[in-house]
Amino acid sequence: MDQKFKRIAVENSDAIVQMWVEEINSLKDGNYTATISDELFESTNREFVNVIFTSITNQGSSKAVEDFSEKIINLGWPLSYITDGLQVFRRVTVDYILSQSSKVDSEFFSNVLESVDAWVEPLIRQLVNEYSGSWEHIVSLQRVALQELSAPLIPVMDKITIMPLIGTIDTERAKLIMENLLEGVIKHNSEVVLMDITGVPVVDTMVAHHIIQAAEAVRLIGSTCILVGIRPEIAQTIVNLGIDLGKFPTKSTLKKGFTSALEITNRKVVDLEKKAENIEKMIDSLQGE
């Protein structure tokens, strides 16, 4: 920005900020900010304009821009808040500088516009780049978190673990299921894994292929995989597609699968109350003799 115009903008920052805030506030009721509290909107606007003037005076603008972009993402506000705000700021700054001159011809107007653009455009690029970078970082962290939750292996008893699957299974997720399954079986020393597909909406040839691969991998490391949660419509689909799931046990419910897992590990469910009653009857019988 031309030093003369820059000086005018900085020395009259209060007036420019007031014009900017008034115009930004006038947009509040008609867009994405309509549900935001007035206090938060006002404080964020003040911070935004401080970032802008920090940039024009070249006082650590990069850090300020980075922090502000990350804040906007954390608030869940769109990129258009930044771009709209800078466009409004460009307009009110040009208008204010023009209003301070007694003579405004086409050359002067062109110089003002060019000078303001030379300052605002790099700031727009920087803010957009920082916003995009922060957004990609947050999305990456969320993707990792979702992956960890998409194929959990849960130990429920000694030597028995459960992997509940919910949602669509694609190739990428199938790979994650395989990795978590094998690592978890070894880590928890599992003899039986219950793979629960109750929450899988569709089981087609590809999904069945991934499940069979996972079950076969579990078998190769010395454990048993039981497929549970097979609903009637899923069973019908599997039969119609000619998919062979005969290589490993299947159960309609998790409860039935868990009972089978107990049998495989030489355990069973015991009704303690009934057992106590039988013991009491046995004692009474012995006493009667």
C-alpha atoms as a PDB file:
ATOM      1  CA  MET A   1       0.000   0.000   0.000  1.00  0.00           C
ATOM      2  CA  ASP A   2       1.224   3.509  -0.791  1.00  0.00           C
ATOM      3  CA  GLN A   3       2.746   4.967   2.381  1.00  0.00           C
ATOM      4  CA  LYS A   4       0.463   8.004   2.266  1.00  0.00           C
ATOM      5  CA  PHE A   5      -2.668   5.879   2.004  1.00  0.00           C
ATOM      6  CA  LYS A   6      -1.296   3.467   4.575  1.00  0.00           C
ATOM      7  CA  ARG A   7      -0.789   6.331   7.021  1.00  0.00           C
ATOM      8  CA  ILE A   8      -4.346   7.548   6.459  1.00  0.00           C
ATOM      9  CA  ALA A   9      -5.727   4.051   7.105  1.00  0.00           C
ATOM     10  CA  VAL A  10      -3.691   3.494  10.270  1.00  0.00           C
ATOM     11  CA  GLU A  11      -4.241   6.969  11.736  1.00  0.00           C
ATOM     12  CA  ASN A  12      -7.986   6.714  11.133  1.00  0.00           C
ATOM     13  CA  SER A  13      -8.333   3.056  12.033  1.00  0.00           C
ATOM     14  CA  ASP A  14     -11.096   3.735  14.581  1.00  0.00           C
ATOM     15  CA  ALA A  15     -13.333   5.326  11.963  1.00  0.00           C
ATOM     16  CA  ILE A  16     -12.611   2.611   9.387  1.00  0.00           C
ATOM     17  CA  VAL A  17     -13.235  -0.122  11.949  1.00  0.00           C
ATOM     18  CA  GLN A  18     -16.548   1.454  12.915  1.00  0.00           C
ATOM     19  CA  MET A  19     -17.656   1.574   9.272  1.00  0.00           C
ATOM     20  CA  TRP A  20     -16.545  -2.028   8.786  1.00  0.00           C
ATOM     21  CA  VAL A  21     -18.293  -3.315  11.916  1.00  0.00           C
ATOM     22  CA  GLU A  22     -21.548  -1.580  10.996  1.00  0.00           C
ATOM     23  CA  GLU A  23     -21.581  -3.151   7.539  1.00  0.00           C
ATOM     24  CA  ILE A  24     -20.622  -6.602   8.831  1.00  0.00           C
ATOM     25  CA  ASN A  25     -23.334  -6.425  11.490  1.00  0.00           C
ATOM     26  CA  SER A  26     -25.891  -5.532   8.837  1.00  0.00           C
ATOM     27  CA  LEU A  27     -25.166  -8.889   7.185  1.00  0.00           C
ATOM     28  CA  LYS A  28     -25.621 -10.901  10.384  1.00  0.00           C
ATOM     29  CA  ASP A  29     -29.340 -11.620  10.216  1.00  0.00           C
ATOM     30  CA  GLY A  30     -29.300 -12.921   6.675  1.00  0.00           C
ATOM     31  CA  ASN A  31     -26.542 -15.532   6.592  1.00  0.00           C
ATOM     32  CA  TYR A  32     -24.790 -18.318   8.534  1.00  0.00           C
ATOM     33  CA  THR A  33     -24.123 -15.979  11.484  1.00  0.00           C
ATOM     34  CA  ALA A  34     -27.814 -15.509  12.293  1.00  0.00           C
ATOM     35  CA  THR A  35     -27.680 -18.066  15.127  1.00  0.00           C
ATOM     36  CA  ILE A  36     -24.435 -16.754  16.650  1.00  0.00           C
ATOM     37  CA  SER A  37     -24.675 -14.722  19.832  1.00  0.00           C
ATOM     38  CA  ASP A  38     -24.108 -10.982  19.493  1.00  0.00           C
ATOM     39  CA  GLU A  39     -21.278 -11.081  22.044  1.00  0.00           C
ATOM     40  CA  LEU A  40     -19.333 -13.778  20.197  1.00  0.00           C
ATOM     41  CA  PHE A  41     -19.927 -12.186  16.815  1.00  0.00           C
ATOM     42  CA  GLU A  42     -18.779  -8.771  18.013  1.00  0.00           C
ATOM     43  CA  SER A  43     -15.677 -10.063  19.798  1.00  0.00           C
ATOM     44  CA  THR A  44     -14.682 -12.147  16.776  1.00  0.00           C
ATOM     45  CA  ASN A  45     -15.158  -9.169  14.467  1.00  0.00           C
ATOM     46  CA  ARG A  46     -12.931  -7.045  16.698  1.00  0.00           C
ATOM     47  CA  GLU A  47     -10.274  -9.732  16.667  1.00  0.00           C
ATOM     48  CA  PHE A  48     -10.574 -10.012  12.889  1.00  0.00           C
ATOM     49  CA  VAL A  49     -10.055  -6.313  12.329  1.00  0.00           C
ATOM     50  CA  ASN A  50      -7.089  -6.339  14.715  1.00  0.00           C
ATOM     51  CA  VAL A  51      -5.545  -9.089  12.595  1.00  0.00           C
ATOM     52  CA  ILE A  52      -6.071  -6.942   9.509  1.00  0.00           C
ATOM     53  CA  PHE A  53      -4.385  -3.885  11.004  1.00  0.00           C
ATOM     54  CA  THR A  54      -1.614  -6.031  12.448  1.00  0.00           C
ATOM     55  CA  SER A  55      -0.979  -7.150   8.899  1.00  0.00           C
ATOM     56  CA  ILE A  56      -0.890  -3.630   7.479  1.00  0.00           C
ATOM     57  CA  THR A  57       1.644  -2.526  10.077  1.00  0.00           C
ATOM     58  CA  ASN A  58       3.697  -5.737   9.555  1.00  0.00           C
ATOM     59  CA  GLN A  59       3.836  -6.673  13.214  1.00  0.00           C
ATOM     60  CA  GLY A  60       3.852 -10.446  13.380  1.00  0.00           C
ATOM     61  CA  SER A  61       0.935 -10.850  10.998  1.00  0.00           C
ATOM     62  CA  SER A  62       1.706 -14.472  10.107  1.00  0.00           C
ATOM     63  CA  LYS A  63       1.157 -15.766  13.629  1.00  0.00           C
ATOM     64  CA  ALA A  64      -1.941 -13.626  14.099  1.00  0.00           C
ATOM     65  CA  VAL A  65      -3.399 -14.834  10.791  1.00  0.00           C
ATOM     66  CA  GLU A  66      -2.658 -18.472  11.632  1.00  0.00           C
ATOM     67  CA  ASP A  67      -4.263 -18.252  15.079  1.00  0.00           C
ATOM     68  CA  PHE A  68      -7.328 -16.430  13.781  1.00  0.00           C
ATOM     69  CA  SER A  69      -7.894 -18.909  10.938  1.00  0.00           C
ATOM     70  CA  GLU A  70      -7.719 -21.806  13.375  1.00  0.00           C
ATOM     71  CA  LYS A  71     -10.191 -20.062  15.678  1.00  0.00           C
ATOM     72  CA  ILE A  72     -12.713 -19.591  12.845  1.00  0.00           C
ATOM     73  CA  ILE A  73     -12.483 -23.301  12.014  1.00  0.00           C
ATOM     74  CA  ASN A  74     -12.950 -24.286  15.654  1.00  0.00           C
ATOM     75  CA  LEU A  75     -16.028 -22.054  15.786  1.00  0.00           C
ATOM     76  CA  GLY A  76     -17.359 -23.888  12.747  1.00  0.00           C
ATOM     77  CA  TRP A  77     -17.630 -20.716  10.657  1.00  0.00           C
ATOM     78  CA  PRO A  78     -17.155 -20.984   6.879  1.00  0.00           C
ATOM     79  CA  LEU A  79     -14.333 -19.515   4.831  1.00  0.00           C
ATOM     80  CA  SER A  80     -16.803 -17.000   3.397  1.00  0.00           C
ATOM     81  CA  TYR A  81     -16.736 -15.147   6.742  1.00  0.00           C
ATOM     82  CA  ILE A  82     -13.073 -14.318   6.106  1.00  0.00           C
ATOM     83  CA  THR A  83     -13.409 -13.496   2.420  1.00  0.00           C
ATOM     84  CA  ASP A  84     -16.589 -11.451   2.903  1.00  0.00           C
ATOM     85  CA  GLY A  85     -15.012  -9.567   5.798  1.00  0.00           C
ATOM     86  CA  LEU A  86     -11.932  -8.658   3.777  1.00  0.00           C
ATOM     87  CA  GLN A  87     -13.991  -7.575   0.782  1.00  0.00           C
ATOM     88  CA  VAL A  88     -16.052  -5.306   3.029  1.00  0.00           C
ATOM     89  CA  PHE A  89     -12.882  -3.967   4.620  1.00  0.00           C
ATOM     90  CA  ARG A  90     -11.407  -3.224   1.210  1.00  0.00           C
ATOM     91  CA  ARG A  91     -14.525  -1.309   0.219  1.00  0.00           C
ATOM     92  CA  VAL A  92     -14.853   0.794   3.382  1.00  0.00           C
ATOM     93  CA  THR A  93     -11.126   1.585   3.395  1.00  0.00           C
ATOM     94  CA  VAL A  94     -11.245   2.814  -0.190  1.00  0.00           C
ATOM     95  CA  ASP A  95     -14.383   4.841   0.548  1.00  0.00           C
ATOM     96  CA  TYR A  96     -12.820   6.421   3.622  1.00  0.00           C
ATOM     97  CA  ILE A  97      -9.566   7.381   1.881  1.00  0.00           C
ATOM     98  CA  LEU A  98     -11.520   8.895  -0.999  1.00  0.00           C
ATOM     99  CA  SER A  99     -13.668  10.858   1.441  1.00  0.00           C
ATOM    100  CA  GLN A 100     -10.541  12.462   2.914  1.00  0.00           C
ATOM    101  CA  SER A 101      -9.438  13.942  -0.407  1.00  0.00           C
ATOM    102  CA  SER A 102     -10.743  17.217  -1.780  1.00  0.00           C
ATOM    103  CA  LYS A 103      -9.952  16.179  -5.335  1.00  0.00           C
ATOM    104  CA  VAL A 104     -10.917  12.757  -6.613  1.00  0.00           C
ATOM    105  CA  ASP A 105     -10.267  12.080 -10.264  1.00  0.00           C
ATOM    106  CA  SER A 106      -9.930   8.796 -12.111  1.00  0.00           C
ATOM    107  CA  GLU A 107      -6.167   8.666 -11.580  1.00  0.00           C
ATOM    108  CA  PHE A 108      -6.457   9.257  -7.844  1.00  0.00           C
ATOM    109  CA  PHE A 109      -9.233   6.675  -7.555  1.00  0.00           C
ATOM    110  CA  SER A 110      -7.132   4.164  -9.486  1.00  0.00           C
ATOM    111  CA  ASN A 111      -4.131   4.782  -7.223  1.00  0.00           C
ATOM    112  CA  VAL A 112      -6.203   4.318  -4.074  1.00  0.00           C
ATOM    113  CA  LEU A 113      -7.795   1.128  -5.364  1.00  0.00           C
ATOM    114  CA  GLU A 114      -4.466  -0.279  -6.514  1.00  0.00           C
ATOM    115  CA  SER A 115      -2.800   0.545  -3.201  1.00  0.00           C
ATOM    116  CA  VAL A 116      -5.542  -1.016  -1.080  1.00  0.00           C
ATOM    117  CA  ASP A 117      -5.641  -4.093  -3.320  1.00  0.00           C
ATOM    118  CA  ALA A 118      -1.883  -4.495  -2.985  1.00  0.00           C
ATOM    119  CA  TRP A 119      -2.383  -4.824   0.755  1.00  0.00           C
ATOM    120  CA  VAL A 120      -5.668  -6.741   0.948  1.00  0.00           C
ATOM    121  CA  GLU A 121      -5.035  -9.368  -1.755  1.00  0.00           C
ATOM    122  CA  PRO A 122      -1.943 -10.903  -0.076  1.00  0.00           C
ATOM    123  CA  LEU A 123      -3.852 -10.973   3.206  1.00  0.00           C
ATOM    124  CA  ILE A 124      -6.765 -12.774   1.536  1.00  0.00           C
ATOM    125  CA  ARG A 125      -4.381 -15.375   0.108  1.00  0.00           C
ATOM    126  CA  GLN A 126      -2.637 -15.802   3.437  1.00  0.00           C
ATOM    127  CA  LEU A 127      -5.870 -16.183   5.394  1.00  0.00           C
ATOM    128  CA  VAL A 128      -7.322 -18.602   2.844  1.00  0.00           C
ATOM    129  CA  ASN A 129      -4.126 -20.680   2.855  1.00  0.00           C
ATOM    130  CA  GLU A 130      -3.972 -20.751   6.648  1.00  0.00           C
ATOM    131  CA  TYR A 131      -7.667 -21.623   6.864  1.00  0.00           C
ATOM    132  CA  SER A 132      -7.251 -24.438   4.333  1.00  0.00           C
ATOM    133  CA  GLY A 133      -4.155 -25.763   6.084  1.00  0.00           C
ATOM    134  CA  SER A 134      -5.809 -25.706   9.501  1.00  0.00           C
ATOM    135  CA  TRP A 135      -8.939 -27.310   8.077  1.00  0.00           C
ATOM    136  CA  GLU A 136      -6.955 -30.124   6.460  1.00  0.00           C
ATOM    137  CA  HIS A 137      -5.102 -30.712   9.730  1.00  0.00           C
ATOM    138  CA  ILE A 138      -8.333 -30.919  11.723  1.00  0.00           C
ATOM    139  CA  VAL A 139      -9.935 -33.197   9.125  1.00  0.00           C
ATOM    140  CA  SER A 140      -6.851 -35.421   9.277  1.00  0.00           C
ATOM    141  CA  LEU A 141      -7.121 -35.691  13.067  1.00  0.00           C
ATOM    142  CA  GLN A 142     -10.833 -36.443  12.802  1.00  0.00           C
ATOM    143  CA  ARG A 143     -10.153 -39.110  10.191  1.00  0.00           C
ATOM    144  CA  VAL A 144      -7.664 -40.813  12.507  1.00  0.00           C
ATOM    145  CA  ALA A 145     -10.150 -40.670  15.383  1.00  0.00           C
ATOM    146  CA  LEU A 146     -12.916 -42.127  13.210  1.00  0.00           C
ATOM    147  CA  GLN A 147     -10.628 -44.889  12.009  1.00  0.00           C
ATOM    148  CA  GLU A 148      -9.851 -45.845  15.582  1.00  0.00           C
ATOM    149  CA  LEU A 149     -13.578 -46.047  16.307  1.00  0.00           C
ATOM    150  CA  SER A 150     -14.552 -47.732  13.037  1.00  0.00           C
ATOM    151  CA  ALA A 151     -13.013 -51.113  13.861  1.00  0.00           C
ATOM    152  CA  PRO A 152     -12.567 -51.465  17.632  1.00  0.00           C
ATOM    153  CA  LEU A 153     -11.621 -54.813  19.159  1.00  0.00           C
ATOM    154  CA  ILE A 154     -13.053 -55.087  22.665  1.00  0.00           C
ATOM    155  CA  PRO A 155     -11.908 -57.764  25.144  1.00  0.00           C
ATOM    156  CA  VAL A 156     -14.986 -58.903  27.097  1.00  0.00           C
ATOM    157  CA  MET A 157     -13.532 -61.921  28.866  1.00  0.00           C
ATOM    158  CA  ASP A 158     -10.262 -63.745  29.051  1.00  0.00           C
ATOM    159  CA  LYS A 159      -9.573 -65.165  25.552  1.00  0.00           C
ATOM    160  CA  ILE A 160     -12.803 -63.693  24.088  1.00  0.00           C
ATOM    161  CA  THR A 161     -13.021 -60.410  22.171  1.00  0.00           C
ATOM    162  CA  ILE A 162     -15.739 -58.665  20.175  1.00  0.00           C
ATOM    163  CA  MET A 163     -15.445 -56.447  17.105  1.00  0.00           C
ATOM    164  CA  PRO A 164     -18.720 -54.529  16.540  1.00  0.00           C
ATOM    165  CA  LEU A 165     -18.977 -53.174  12.996  1.00  0.00           C
ATOM    166  CA  ILE A 166     -21.307 -50.303  12.121  1.00  0.00           C
ATOM    167  CA  GLY A 167     -21.828 -48.676   8.745  1.00  0.00           C
ATOM    168  CA  THR A 168     -20.542 -49.395   5.262  1.00  0.00           C
ATOM    169  CA  ILE A 169     -17.402 -51.473   4.801  1.00  0.00           C
ATOM    170  CA  ASP A 170     -15.218 -50.325   1.913  1.00  0.00           C
ATOM    171  CA  THR A 171     -11.733 -51.434   0.896  1.00  0.00           C
ATOM    172  CA  GLU A 172      -9.931 -48.901   3.098  1.00  0.00           C
ATOM    173  CA  ARG A 173     -11.987 -49.766   6.153  1.00  0.00           C
ATOM    174  CA  ALA A 174     -11.624 -53.496   5.454  1.00  0.00           C
ATOM    175  CA  LYS A 175      -7.855 -53.071   5.574  1.00  0.00           C
ATOM    176  CA  LEU A 176      -8.166 -51.309   8.934  1.00  0.00           C
ATOM    177  CA  ILE A 177     -10.451 -54.076  10.233  1.00  0.00           C
ATOM    178  CA  MET A 178      -7.878 -56.672   9.243  1.00  0.00           C
ATOM    179  CA  GLU A 179      -5.018 -54.795  10.927  1.00  0.00           C
ATOM    180  CA  ASN A 180      -6.919 -54.130  14.165  1.00  0.00           C
ATOM    181  CA  LEU A 181      -8.233 -57.678  14.232  1.00  0.00           C
ATOM    182  CA  LEU A 182      -4.852 -59.369  13.933  1.00  0.00           C
ATOM    183  CA  GLU A 183      -3.078 -56.956  16.269  1.00  0.00           C
ATOM    184  CA  GLY A 184      -5.881 -57.234  18.838  1.00  0.00           C
ATOM    185  CA  VAL A 185      -6.043 -61.027  18.760  1.00  0.00           C
ATOM    186  CA  ILE A 186      -2.332 -61.245  19.510  1.00  0.00           C
ATOM    187  CA  LYS A 187      -2.388 -58.424  22.065  1.00  0.00           C
ATOM    188  CA  HIS A 188      -5.321 -59.863  24.044  1.00  0.00           C
ATOM    189  CA  ASN A 189      -4.321 -63.505  23.477  1.00  0.00           C
ATOM    190  CA  SER A 190      -7.800 -64.175  22.104  1.00  0.00           C
ATOM    191  CA  GLU A 191      -8.950 -67.655  21.222  1.00  0.00           C
ATOM    192  CA  VAL A 192     -12.319 -66.466  19.898  1.00  0.00           C
ATOM    193  CA  VAL A 193     -13.302 -63.262  18.096  1.00  0.00           C
ATOM    194  CA  LEU A 194     -16.969 -62.339  17.672  1.00  0.00           C
ATOM    195  CA  MET A 195     -17.382 -60.171  14.576  1.00  0.00           C
ATOM    196  CA  ASP A 196     -20.753 -58.452  15.004  1.00  0.00           C
ATOM    197  CA  ILE A 197     -22.258 -57.151  11.728  1.00  0.00           C
ATOM    198  CA  THR A 198     -25.624 -56.145  13.219  1.00  0.00           C
ATOM    199  CA  GLY A 199     -24.912 -52.518  12.306  1.00  0.00           C
ATOM    200  CA  VAL A 200     -23.733 -53.211   8.740  1.00  0.00           C
ATOM    201  CA  PRO A 201     -26.652 -52.163   6.493  1.00  0.00           C
ATOM    202  CA  VAL A 202     -25.661 -54.121   3.382  1.00  0.00           C
ATOM    203  CA  VAL A 203     -23.631 -57.286   2.913  1.00  0.00           C
ATOM    204  CA  ASP A 204     -22.770 -57.727  -0.751  1.00  0.00           C
ATOM    205  CA  THR A 205     -20.102 -59.801  -2.469  1.00  0.00           C
ATOM    206  CA  MET A 206     -17.330 -57.312  -1.695  1.00  0.00           C
ATOM    207  CA  VAL A 207     -18.255 -56.978   1.992  1.00  0.00           C
ATOM    208  CA  ALA A 208     -18.540 -60.757   2.348  1.00  0.00           C
ATOM    209  CA  HIS A 209     -15.142 -61.160   0.690  1.00  0.00           C
ATOM    210  CA  HIS A 210     -13.558 -58.779   3.203  1.00  0.00           C
ATOM    211  CA  ILE A 211     -15.222 -60.610   6.111  1.00  0.00           C
ATOM    212  CA  ILE A 212     -14.051 -63.995   4.842  1.00  0.00           C
ATOM    213  CA  GLN A 213     -10.508 -62.685   4.450  1.00  0.00           C
ATOM    214  CA  ALA A 214     -10.523 -61.343   8.014  1.00  0.00           C
ATOM    215  CA  ALA A 215     -11.897 -64.606   9.425  1.00  0.00           C
ATOM    216  CA  GLU A 216      -9.335 -66.636   7.487  1.00  0.00           C
ATOM    217  CA  ALA A 217      -6.513 -64.422   8.765  1.00  0.00           C
ATOM    218  CA  VAL A 218      -7.718 -64.974  12.343  1.00  0.00           C
ATOM    219  CA  ARG A 219      -7.767 -68.739  11.732  1.00  0.00           C
ATOM    220  CA  LEU A 220      -4.207 -68.691  10.423  1.00  0.00           C
ATOM    221  CA  ILE A 221      -2.920 -67.240  13.704  1.00  0.00           C
ATOM    222  CA  GLY A 222      -4.680 -69.951  15.696  1.00  0.00           C
ATOM    223  CA  SER A 223      -7.953 -68.323  16.742  1.00  0.00           C
ATOM    224  CA  THR A 224     -11.607 -68.743  15.797  1.00  0.00           C
ATOM    225  CA  CYS A 225     -13.782 -66.039  14.262  1.00  0.00           C
ATOM    226  CA  ILE A 226     -17.550 -66.247  14.778  1.00  0.00           C
ATOM    227  CA  LEU A 227     -19.731 -64.043  12.591  1.00  0.00           C
ATOM    228  CA  VAL A 228     -22.748 -62.792  14.551  1.00  0.00           C
ATOM    229  CA  GLY A 229     -25.647 -60.438  13.903  1.00  0.00           C
ATOM    230  CA  ILE A 230     -26.827 -62.053  10.668  1.00  0.00           C
ATOM    231  CA  ARG A 231     -30.341 -60.738  10.155  1.00  0.00           C
ATOM    232  CA  PRO A 232     -32.848 -62.695   8.005  1.00  0.00           C
ATOM    233  CA  GLU A 233     -32.553 -60.263   5.084  1.00  0.00           C
ATOM    234  CA  ILE A 234     -28.759 -60.458   5.237  1.00  0.00           C
ATOM    235  CA  ALA A 235     -28.910 -64.265   5.286  1.00  0.00           C
ATOM    236  CA  GLN A 236     -31.180 -64.224   2.231  1.00  0.00           C
ATOM    237  CA  THR A 237     -28.833 -61.868   0.386  1.00  0.00           C
ATOM    238  CA  ILE A 238     -25.835 -64.082   1.158  1.00  0.00           C
ATOM    239  CA  VAL A 239     -27.663 -67.154  -0.166  1.00  0.00           C
ATOM    240  CA  ASN A 240     -28.866 -65.368  -3.314  1.00  0.00           C
ATOM    241  CA  LEU A 241     -25.340 -64.171  -4.065  1.00  0.00           C
ATOM    242  CA  GLY A 242     -23.961 -67.672  -3.611  1.00  0.00           C
ATOM    243  CA  ILE A 243     -21.502 -66.538  -0.945  1.00  0.00           C
ATOM    244  CA  ASP A 244     -19.943 -69.402   1.010  1.00  0.00           C
ATOM    245  CA  LEU A 245     -19.572 -68.611   4.711  1.00  0.00           C
ATOM    246  CA  GLY A 246     -19.312 -72.259   5.690  1.00  0.00           C
ATOM    247  CA  LYS A 247     -15.658 -72.077   6.680  1.00  0.00           C
ATOM    248  CA  PHE A 248     -16.373 -70.416  10.013  1.00  0.00           C
ATOM    249  CA  PRO A 249     -19.249 -70.376  12.551  1.00  0.00           C
ATOM    250  CA  THR A 250     -22.151 -67.948  12.171  1.00  0.00           C
ATOM    251  CA  LYS A 251     -24.838 -66.962  14.674  1.00  0.00           C
ATOM    252  CA  SER A 252     -27.904 -64.782  14.365  1.00  0.00           C
ATOM    253  CA  THR A 253     -27.300 -62.848  17.592  1.00  0.00           C
ATOM    254  CA  LEU A 254     -24.391 -61.735  19.723  1.00  0.00           C
ATOM    255  CA  LYS A 255     -25.824 -63.664  22.677  1.00  0.00           C
ATOM    256  CA  LYS A 256     -25.737 -66.953  20.775  1.00  0.00           C
ATOM    257  CA  GLY A 257     -22.267 -66.189  19.505  1.00  0.00           C
ATOM    258  CA  PHE A 258     -21.035 -65.468  23.013  1.00  0.00           C
ATOM    259  CA  THR A 259     -22.450 -68.779  24.227  1.00  0.00           C
ATOM    260  CA  SER A 260     -20.531 -70.570  21.467  1.00  0.00           C
ATOM    261  CA  ALA A 261     -17.380 -68.657  22.391  1.00  0.00           C
ATOM    262  CA  LEU A 262     -17.704 -69.871  25.975  1.00  0.00           C
ATOM    263  CA  GLU A 263     -18.055 -73.462  24.774  1.00  0.00           C
ATOM    264  CA  ILE A 264     -14.972 -73.151  22.562  1.00  0.00           C
ATOM    265  CA  THR A 265     -12.969 -71.876  25.543  1.00  0.00           C
ATOM    266  CA  ASN A 266     -14.348 -74.699  27.741  1.00  0.00           C
ATOM    267  CA  ARG A 267     -16.643 -72.476  29.769  1.00  0.00           C
ATOM    268  CA  LYS A 268     -20.357 -72.067  30.171  1.00  0.00           C
ATOM    269  CA  VAL A 269     -22.910 -69.716  31.666  1.00  0.00           C
ATOM    270  CA  VAL A 270     -24.086 -70.848  35.084  1.00  0.00           C
ATOM    271  CA  ASP A 271     -27.268 -69.675  36.795  1.00  0.00           C
ATOM    272  CA  LEU A 272     -25.919 -69.073  40.304  1.00  0.00           C
ATOM    273  CA  GLU A 273     -29.354 -68.715  41.877  1.00  0.00           C
ATOM    274  CA  LYS A 274     -30.522 -72.005  40.417  1.00  0.00           C
ATOM    275  CA  LYS A 275     -27.258 -73.652  41.396  1.00  0.00           C
ATOM    276  CA  ALA A 276     -27.669 -72.369  44.961  1.00  0.00           C
ATOM    277  CA  GLU A 277     -31.202 -73.777  45.067  1.00  0.00           C
ATOM    278  CA  ASN A 278     -29.954 -77.168  43.893  1.00  0.00           C
ATOM    279  CA  ILE A 279     -27.259 -77.169  46.568  1.00  0.00           C
ATOM    280  CA  GLU A 280     -29.817 -76.317  49.232  1.00  0.00           C
ATOM    281  CA  LYS A 281     -32.062 -79.141  48.027  1.00  0.00           C
ATOM    282  CA  MET A 282     -29.122 -81.530  48.103  1.00  0.00           C
ATOM    283  CA  ILE A 283     -28.259 -80.484  51.662  1.00  0.00           C
ATOM    284  CA  ASP A 284     -31.882 -80.876  52.742  1.00  0.00           C
ATOM    285  CA  SER A 285     -31.973 -84.308  51.148  1.00  0.00           C
ATOM    286  CA  LEU A 286     -28.817 -85.409  52.948  1.00  0.00           C
ATOM    287  CA  GLN A 287     -30.100 -84.078  56.248  1.00  0.00           C
ATOM    288  CA  GLY A 288     -33.358 -85.947  55.732  1.00  0.00           C
ATOM    289  CA  GLU A 289     -31.493 -89.186  55.392  1.00  0.00           C
END
